[in-house]
Every structure is written in structure tokens, then in C-alpha cells.
Amino acid sequence: MREIAVAAFRAIDASGMARVDFFIDGDRVILNEINTIPGFTSTSAYPRLWEASGISYPELISRLIDLALERR
């Protein structure tokens, strides 16, 4: 599954971080979707983990926007 996730990430030319979702049907592994920023709401684990490290939700948004602008 990890190899499929990496291949899917590269196939869409993603950058940074992504969550790749799968379905398991018996022995079959079916790729469902790729989410470039997993669970990005104010109550999701991603921003809450950053907040626990001292970076607020608004600060995180600003930093991600700045990083995206730098990349372009």
C-alpha cells in the first residue's frame, strides 16, 4: 500500500504532505482518493498537533500560504 500511495502522490505531482485513502476488499487494495492536506479543519488532528507545538490555526494557515507562494 505504501508503494501505491507513493506512486499515486507522484502521479499527480503532489508536494508536501498527502493522505492517500484505500478500500480493502478481501485481498484487493483499491486506491480511493488523495487528499493533499489531510483533515484540515480547525478540529482535525493536523492543526491541533501544530497548536500543541505552539503554532495557532491562523498562524499555520499563514505559514502554509507563505510556503506555497515561495514555491511558486
PDB file of N, CA and C in Angstrom:
ATOM      1  N   MET A   1       0.819  -1.178   0.000  1.00  0.00           N
ATOM      2  CA  MET A   1       0.000   0.000   0.000  1.00  0.00           C
ATOM      3  C   MET A   1       0.871   1.253   0.000  1.00  0.00           C
ATOM      4  N   ARG A   2       1.980   1.184   0.705  1.00  0.00           N
ATOM      5  CA  ARG A   2       2.868   2.346   0.733  1.00  0.00           C
ATOM      6  C   ARG A   2       3.387   2.661  -0.664  1.00  0.00           C
ATOM      7  N   GLU A   3       3.771   1.625  -1.401  1.00  0.00           N
ATOM      8  CA  GLU A   3       4.272   1.844  -2.760  1.00  0.00           C
ATOM      9  C   GLU A   3       3.200   2.440  -3.657  1.00  0.00           C
ATOM     10  N   ILE A   4       1.972   1.964  -3.520  1.00  0.00           N
ATOM     11  CA  ILE A   4       0.863   2.512  -4.312  1.00  0.00           C
ATOM     12  C   ILE A   4       0.623   3.965  -3.926  1.00  0.00           C
ATOM     13  N   ALA A   5       0.668   4.270  -2.637  1.00  0.00           N
ATOM     14  CA  ALA A   5       0.462   5.640  -2.170  1.00  0.00           C
ATOM     15  C   ALA A   5       1.526   6.581  -2.730  1.00  0.00           C
ATOM     16  N   VAL A   6       2.776   6.151  -2.695  1.00  0.00           N
ATOM     17  CA  VAL A   6       3.863   6.972  -3.228  1.00  0.00           C
ATOM     18  C   VAL A   6       3.696   7.160  -4.732  1.00  0.00           C
ATOM     19  N   ALA A   7       3.350   6.116  -5.442  1.00  0.00           N
ATOM     20  CA  ALA A   7       3.148   6.213  -6.894  1.00  0.00           C
ATOM     21  C   ALA A   7       1.997   7.164  -7.220  1.00  0.00           C
ATOM     22  N   ALA A   8       0.912   7.101  -6.462  1.00  0.00           N
ATOM     23  CA  ALA A   8      -0.224   7.997  -6.685  1.00  0.00           C
ATOM     24  C   ALA A   8       0.170   9.440  -6.408  1.00  0.00           C
ATOM     25  N   PHE A   9       0.895   9.674  -5.330  1.00  0.00           N
ATOM     26  CA  PHE A   9       1.375  11.007  -4.963  1.00  0.00           C
ATOM     27  C   PHE A   9       2.207  11.594  -6.094  1.00  0.00           C
ATOM     28  N   ARG A  10       3.117  10.791  -6.610  1.00  0.00           N
ATOM     29  CA  ARG A  10       3.989  11.252  -7.707  1.00  0.00           C
ATOM     30  C   ARG A  10       3.207  11.439  -9.004  1.00  0.00           C
ATOM     31  N   ALA A  11       2.221  10.588  -9.238  1.00  0.00           N
ATOM     32  CA  ALA A  11       1.444  10.659 -10.485  1.00  0.00           C
ATOM     33  C   ALA A  11       0.684  11.975 -10.624  1.00  0.00           C
ATOM     34  N   ILE A  12       0.269  12.536  -9.501  1.00  0.00           N
ATOM     35  CA  ILE A  12      -0.464  13.814  -9.579  1.00  0.00           C
ATOM     36  C   ILE A  12       0.449  15.005  -9.311  1.00  0.00           C
ATOM     37  N   ASP A  13       1.758  14.745  -9.214  1.00  0.00           N
ATOM     38  CA  ASP A  13       2.750  15.785  -8.965  1.00  0.00           C
ATOM     39  C   ASP A  13       2.452  16.550  -7.685  1.00  0.00           C
ATOM     40  N   ALA A  14       2.057  15.811  -6.660  1.00  0.00           N
ATOM     41  CA  ALA A  14       1.756  16.425  -5.364  1.00  0.00           C
ATOM     42  C   ALA A  14       3.047  16.887  -4.712  1.00  0.00           C
ATOM     43  N   SER A  15       2.909  17.788  -3.749  1.00  0.00           N
ATOM     44  CA  SER A  15       4.077  18.225  -2.987  1.00  0.00           C
ATOM     45  C   SER A  15       3.690  18.346  -1.525  1.00  0.00           C
ATOM     46  N   GLY A  16       4.686  18.315  -0.679  1.00  0.00           N
ATOM     47  CA  GLY A  16       4.416  18.431   0.743  1.00  0.00           C
ATOM     48  C   GLY A  16       3.913  17.130   1.320  1.00  0.00           C
ATOM     49  N   MET A  17       2.706  17.177   1.831  1.00  0.00           N
ATOM     50  CA  MET A  17       2.146  16.044   2.548  1.00  0.00           C
ATOM     51  C   MET A  17       0.798  15.667   1.950  1.00  0.00           C
ATOM     52  N   ALA A  18       0.483  14.390   1.974  1.00  0.00           N
ATOM     53  CA  ALA A  18      -0.822  13.949   1.485  1.00  0.00           C
ATOM     54  C   ALA A  18      -1.273  12.731   2.276  1.00  0.00           C
ATOM     55  N   ARG A  19      -2.562  12.533   2.278  1.00  0.00           N
ATOM     56  CA  ARG A  19      -3.134  11.292   2.819  1.00  0.00           C
ATOM     57  C   ARG A  19      -3.745  10.567   1.635  1.00  0.00           C
ATOM     58  N   VAL A  20      -3.376   9.312   1.462  1.00  0.00           N
ATOM     59  CA  VAL A  20      -3.917   8.509   0.374  1.00  0.00           C
ATOM     60  C   VAL A  20      -4.839   7.471   1.000  1.00  0.00           C
ATOM     61  N   ASP A  21      -6.103   7.504   0.603  1.00  0.00           N
ATOM     62  CA  ASP A  21      -7.110   6.615   1.171  1.00  0.00           C
ATOM     63  C   ASP A  21      -7.335   5.402   0.275  1.00  0.00           C
ATOM     64  N   PHE A  22      -7.539   4.256   0.920  1.00  0.00           N
ATOM     65  CA  PHE A  22      -7.750   2.999   0.219  1.00  0.00           C
ATOM     66  C   PHE A  22      -9.005   2.309   0.726  1.00  0.00           C
ATOM     67  N   PHE A  23      -9.524   1.409  -0.096  1.00  0.00           N
ATOM     68  CA  PHE A  23     -10.521   0.434   0.324  1.00  0.00           C
ATOM     69  C   PHE A  23      -9.841  -0.921   0.267  1.00  0.00           C
ATOM     70  N   ILE A  24     -10.172  -1.786   1.195  1.00  0.00           N
ATOM     71  CA  ILE A  24      -9.688  -3.159   1.187  1.00  0.00           C
ATOM     72  C   ILE A  24     -10.899  -4.050   0.940  1.00  0.00           C
ATOM     73  N   ASP A  25     -10.812  -4.870  -0.111  1.00  0.00           N
ATOM     74  CA  ASP A  25     -11.898  -5.783  -0.467  1.00  0.00           C
ATOM     75  C   ASP A  25     -11.296  -7.180  -0.582  1.00  0.00           C
ATOM     76  N   GLY A  26     -11.332  -7.910   0.523  1.00  0.00           N
ATOM     77  CA  GLY A  26     -10.683  -9.221   0.526  1.00  0.00           C
ATOM     78  C   GLY A  26      -9.182  -9.043   0.376  1.00  0.00           C
ATOM     79  N   ASP A  27      -8.624  -9.583  -0.708  1.00  0.00           N
ATOM     80  CA  ASP A  27      -7.196  -9.433  -0.985  1.00  0.00           C
ATOM     81  C   ASP A  27      -6.890  -8.232  -1.877  1.00  0.00           C
ATOM     82  N   ARG A  28      -7.937  -7.547  -2.321  1.00  0.00           N
ATOM     83  CA  ARG A  28      -7.736  -6.401  -3.225  1.00  0.00           C
ATOM     84  C   ARG A  28      -7.546  -5.111  -2.444  1.00  0.00           C
ATOM     85  N   VAL A  29      -6.588  -4.300  -2.904  1.00  0.00           N
ATOM     86  CA  VAL A  29      -6.357  -2.958  -2.374  1.00  0.00           C
ATOM     87  C   VAL A  29      -6.771  -1.984  -3.470  1.00  0.00           C
ATOM     88  N   ILE A  30      -7.724  -1.106  -3.143  1.00  0.00           N
ATOM     89  CA  ILE A  30      -8.265  -0.181  -4.141  1.00  0.00           C
ATOM     90  C   ILE A  30      -7.989   1.247  -3.682  1.00  0.00           C
ATOM     91  N   LEU A  31      -7.253   1.992  -4.489  1.00  0.00           N
ATOM     92  CA  LEU A  31      -6.991   3.389  -4.167  1.00  0.00           C
ATOM     93  C   LEU A  31      -8.292   4.170  -4.309  1.00  0.00           C
ATOM     94  N   ASN A  32      -8.655   4.918  -3.304  1.00  0.00           N
ATOM     95  CA  ASN A  32      -9.888   5.691  -3.313  1.00  0.00           C
ATOM     96  C   ASN A  32      -9.639   7.144  -3.700  1.00  0.00           C
ATOM     97  N   GLU A  33      -8.792   7.853  -2.943  1.00  0.00           N
ATOM     98  CA  GLU A  33      -8.554   9.262  -3.223  1.00  0.00           C
ATOM     99  C   GLU A  33      -7.281   9.735  -2.563  1.00  0.00           C
ATOM    100  N   ILE A  34      -6.798  10.889  -3.027  1.00  0.00           N
ATOM    101  CA  ILE A  34      -5.631  11.530  -2.453  1.00  0.00           C
ATOM    102  C   ILE A  34      -6.078  12.874  -1.906  1.00  0.00           C
ATOM    103  N   ASN A  35      -5.722  13.119  -0.663  1.00  0.00           N
ATOM    104  CA  ASN A  35      -6.025  14.397  -0.024  1.00  0.00           C
ATOM    105  C   ASN A  35      -4.702  15.102   0.244  1.00  0.00           C
ATOM    106  N   THR A  36      -4.494  16.263  -0.364  1.00  0.00           N
ATOM    107  CA  THR A  36      -3.193  16.925  -0.266  1.00  0.00           C
ATOM    108  C   THR A  36      -2.917  17.509   1.105  1.00  0.00           C
ATOM    109  N   ILE A  37      -3.944  17.921   1.827  1.00  0.00           N
ATOM    110  CA  ILE A  37      -3.768  18.332   3.215  1.00  0.00           C
ATOM    111  C   ILE A  37      -4.812  17.595   4.028  1.00  0.00           C
ATOM    112  N   PRO A  38      -4.403  16.540   4.728  1.00  0.00           N
ATOM    113  CA  PRO A  38      -5.380  15.719   5.424  1.00  0.00           C
ATOM    114  C   PRO A  38      -6.151  16.470   6.498  1.00  0.00           C
ATOM    115  N   GLY A  39      -7.434  16.224   6.559  1.00  0.00           N
ATOM    116  CA  GLY A  39      -8.288  16.709   7.617  1.00  0.00           C
ATOM    117  C   GLY A  39      -8.020  18.113   8.067  1.00  0.00           C
ATOM    118  N   PHE A  40      -8.109  19.059   7.170  1.00  0.00           N
ATOM    119  CA  PHE A  40      -7.704  20.411   7.503  1.00  0.00           C
ATOM    120  C   PHE A  40      -8.893  21.278   7.896  1.00  0.00           C
ATOM    121  N   THR A  41      -9.443  20.970   9.051  1.00  0.00           N
ATOM    122  CA  THR A  41     -10.436  21.850   9.675  1.00  0.00           C
ATOM    123  C   THR A  41      -9.882  22.220  11.043  1.00  0.00           C
ATOM    124  N   SER A  42     -10.498  23.169  11.704  1.00  0.00           N
ATOM    125  CA  SER A  42      -9.981  23.611  12.998  1.00  0.00           C
ATOM    126  C   SER A  42     -10.057  22.519  14.070  1.00  0.00           C
ATOM    127  N   THR A  43     -10.862  21.481  13.841  1.00  0.00           N
ATOM    128  CA  THR A  43     -10.968  20.394  14.820  1.00  0.00           C
ATOM    129  C   THR A  43     -10.222  19.130  14.402  1.00  0.00           C
ATOM    130  N   SER A  44      -9.562  19.141  13.267  1.00  0.00           N
ATOM    131  CA  SER A  44      -8.819  17.977  12.785  1.00  0.00           C
ATOM    132  C   SER A  44      -7.499  17.827  13.535  1.00  0.00           C
ATOM    133  N   ALA A  45      -6.948  16.642  13.485  1.00  0.00           N
ATOM    134  CA  ALA A  45      -5.695  16.352  14.193  1.00  0.00           C
ATOM    135  C   ALA A  45      -4.540  17.208  13.682  1.00  0.00           C
ATOM    136  N   TYR A  46      -4.460  17.429  12.390  1.00  0.00           N
ATOM    137  CA  TYR A  46      -3.316  18.164  11.812  1.00  0.00           C
ATOM    138  C   TYR A  46      -3.132  19.542  12.449  1.00  0.00           C
ATOM    139  N   PRO A  47      -4.116  20.425  12.415  1.00  0.00           N
ATOM    140  CA  PRO A  47      -3.898  21.728  13.052  1.00  0.00           C
ATOM    141  C   PRO A  47      -3.816  21.641  14.576  1.00  0.00           C
ATOM    142  N   ARG A  48      -4.476  20.680  15.153  1.00  0.00           N
ATOM    143  CA  ARG A  48      -4.416  20.540  16.618  1.00  0.00           C
ATOM    144  C   ARG A  48      -3.023  20.121  17.072  1.00  0.00           C
ATOM    145  N   LEU A  49      -2.364  19.277  16.297  1.00  0.00           N
ATOM    146  CA  LEU A  49      -0.990  18.892  16.627  1.00  0.00           C
ATOM    147  C   LEU A  49      -0.050  20.091  16.524  1.00  0.00           C
ATOM    148  N   TRP A  50      -0.244  20.911  15.498  1.00  0.00           N
ATOM    149  CA  TRP A  50       0.568  22.120  15.375  1.00  0.00           C
ATOM    150  C   TRP A  50       0.295  23.074  16.533  1.00  0.00           C
ATOM    151  N   GLU A  51      -0.975  23.207  16.911  1.00  0.00           N
ATOM    152  CA  GLU A  51      -1.313  24.078  18.024  1.00  0.00           C
ATOM    153  C   GLU A  51      -0.651  23.596  19.317  1.00  0.00           C
ATOM    154  N   ALA A  52      -0.588  22.287  19.515  1.00  0.00           N
ATOM    155  CA  ALA A  52       0.073  21.730  20.692  1.00  0.00           C
ATOM    156  C   ALA A  52       1.563  22.071  20.711  1.00  0.00           C
ATOM    157  N   SER A  53       2.132  22.320  19.523  1.00  0.00           N
ATOM    158  CA  SER A  53       3.551  22.692  19.461  1.00  0.00           C
ATOM    159  C   SER A  53       3.744  24.204  19.481  1.00  0.00           C
ATOM    160  N   GLY A  54       2.636  24.950  19.665  1.00  0.00           N
ATOM    161  CA  GLY A  54       2.754  26.403  19.813  1.00  0.00           C
ATOM    162  C   GLY A  54       2.380  27.217  18.592  1.00  0.00           C
ATOM    163  N   ILE A  55       1.883  26.578  17.541  1.00  0.00           N
ATOM    164  CA  ILE A  55       1.500  27.301  16.320  1.00  0.00           C
ATOM    165  C   ILE A  55      -0.018  27.285  16.206  1.00  0.00           C
ATOM    166  N   SER A  56      -0.634  28.449  16.302  1.00  0.00           N
ATOM    167  CA  SER A  56      -2.087  28.556  16.262  1.00  0.00           C
ATOM    168  C   SER A  56      -2.616  28.255  14.858  1.00  0.00           C
ATOM    169  N   TYR A  57      -3.900  28.001  14.767  1.00  0.00           N
ATOM    170  CA  TYR A  57      -4.545  27.732  13.474  1.00  0.00           C
ATOM    171  C   TYR A  57      -4.328  28.883  12.489  1.00  0.00           C
ATOM    172  N   PRO A  58      -4.588  30.150  12.884  1.00  0.00           N
ATOM    173  CA  PRO A  58      -4.335  31.250  11.941  1.00  0.00           C
ATOM    174  C   PRO A  58      -2.866  31.348  11.517  1.00  0.00           C
ATOM    175  N   GLU A  59      -1.943  31.116  12.459  1.00  0.00           N
ATOM    176  CA  GLU A  59      -0.523  31.136  12.136  1.00  0.00           C
ATOM    177  C   GLU A  59      -0.166  30.014  11.160  1.00  0.00           C
ATOM    178  N   LEU A  60      -0.722  28.835  11.368  1.00  0.00           N
ATOM    179  CA  LEU A  60      -0.485  27.708  10.479  1.00  0.00           C
ATOM    180  C   LEU A  60      -0.964  28.023   9.069  1.00  0.00           C
ATOM    181  N   ILE A  61      -2.157  28.593   8.954  1.00  0.00           N
ATOM    182  CA  ILE A  61      -2.680  28.982   7.636  1.00  0.00           C
ATOM    183  C   ILE A  61      -1.727  29.955   6.960  1.00  0.00           C
ATOM    184  N   SER A  62      -1.282  30.963   7.708  1.00  0.00           N
ATOM    185  CA  SER A  62      -0.352  31.959   7.146  1.00  0.00           C
ATOM    186  C   SER A  62       0.943  31.314   6.685  1.00  0.00           C
ATOM    187  N   ARG A  63       1.482  30.424   7.497  1.00  0.00           N
ATOM    188  CA  ARG A  63       2.734  29.756   7.123  1.00  0.00           C
ATOM    189  C   ARG A  63       2.567  28.895   5.871  1.00  0.00           C
ATOM    190  N   LEU A  64       1.457  28.186   5.784  1.00  0.00           N
ATOM    191  CA  LEU A  64       1.230  27.348   4.602  1.00  0.00           C
ATOM    192  C   LEU A  64       1.057  28.193   3.347  1.00  0.00           C
ATOM    193  N   ILE A  65       0.389  29.312   3.467  1.00  0.00           N
ATOM    194  CA  ILE A  65       0.235  30.215   2.315  1.00  0.00           C
ATOM    195  C   ILE A  65       1.593  30.759   1.910  1.00  0.00           C
ATOM    196  N   ASP A  66       2.392  31.198   2.881  1.00  0.00           N
ATOM    197  CA  ASP A  66       3.736  31.703   2.580  1.00  0.00           C
ATOM    198  C   ASP A  66       4.589  30.647   1.887  1.00  0.00           C
ATOM    199  N   LEU A  67       4.520  29.409   2.377  1.00  0.00           N
ATOM    200  CA  LEU A  67       5.303  28.332   1.740  1.00  0.00           C
ATOM    201  C   LEU A  67       4.849  28.087   0.309  1.00  0.00           C
ATOM    202  N   ALA A  68       3.539  28.139   0.080  1.00  0.00           N
ATOM    203  CA  ALA A  68       3.022  27.934  -1.278  1.00  0.00           C
ATOM    204  C   ALA A  68       3.470  29.055  -2.201  1.00  0.00           C
ATOM    205  N   LEU A  69       3.464  30.285  -1.712  1.00  0.00           N
ATOM    206  CA  LEU A  69       3.922  31.419  -2.527  1.00  0.00           C
ATOM    207  C   LEU A  69       5.411  31.328  -2.824  1.00  0.00           C
ATOM    208  N   GLU A  70       6.197  30.912  -1.838  1.00  0.00           N
ATOM    209  CA  GLU A  70       7.639  30.735  -2.058  1.00  0.00           C
ATOM    210  C   GLU A  70       7.905  29.671  -3.111  1.00  0.00           C
ATOM    211  N   ARG A  71       7.116  28.609  -3.077  1.00  0.00           N
ATOM    212  CA  ARG A  71       7.310  27.512  -4.029  1.00  0.00           C
ATOM    213  C   ARG A  71       7.029  27.956  -5.462  1.00  0.00           C
ATOM    214  N   ARG A  72       6.096  28.847  -5.638  1.00  0.00           N
ATOM    215  CA  ARG A  72       5.746  29.346  -6.974  1.00  0.00           C
ATOM    216  C   ARG A  72       6.616  30.519  -7.317  1.00  0.00           C
TER     217      ARG A  72
END
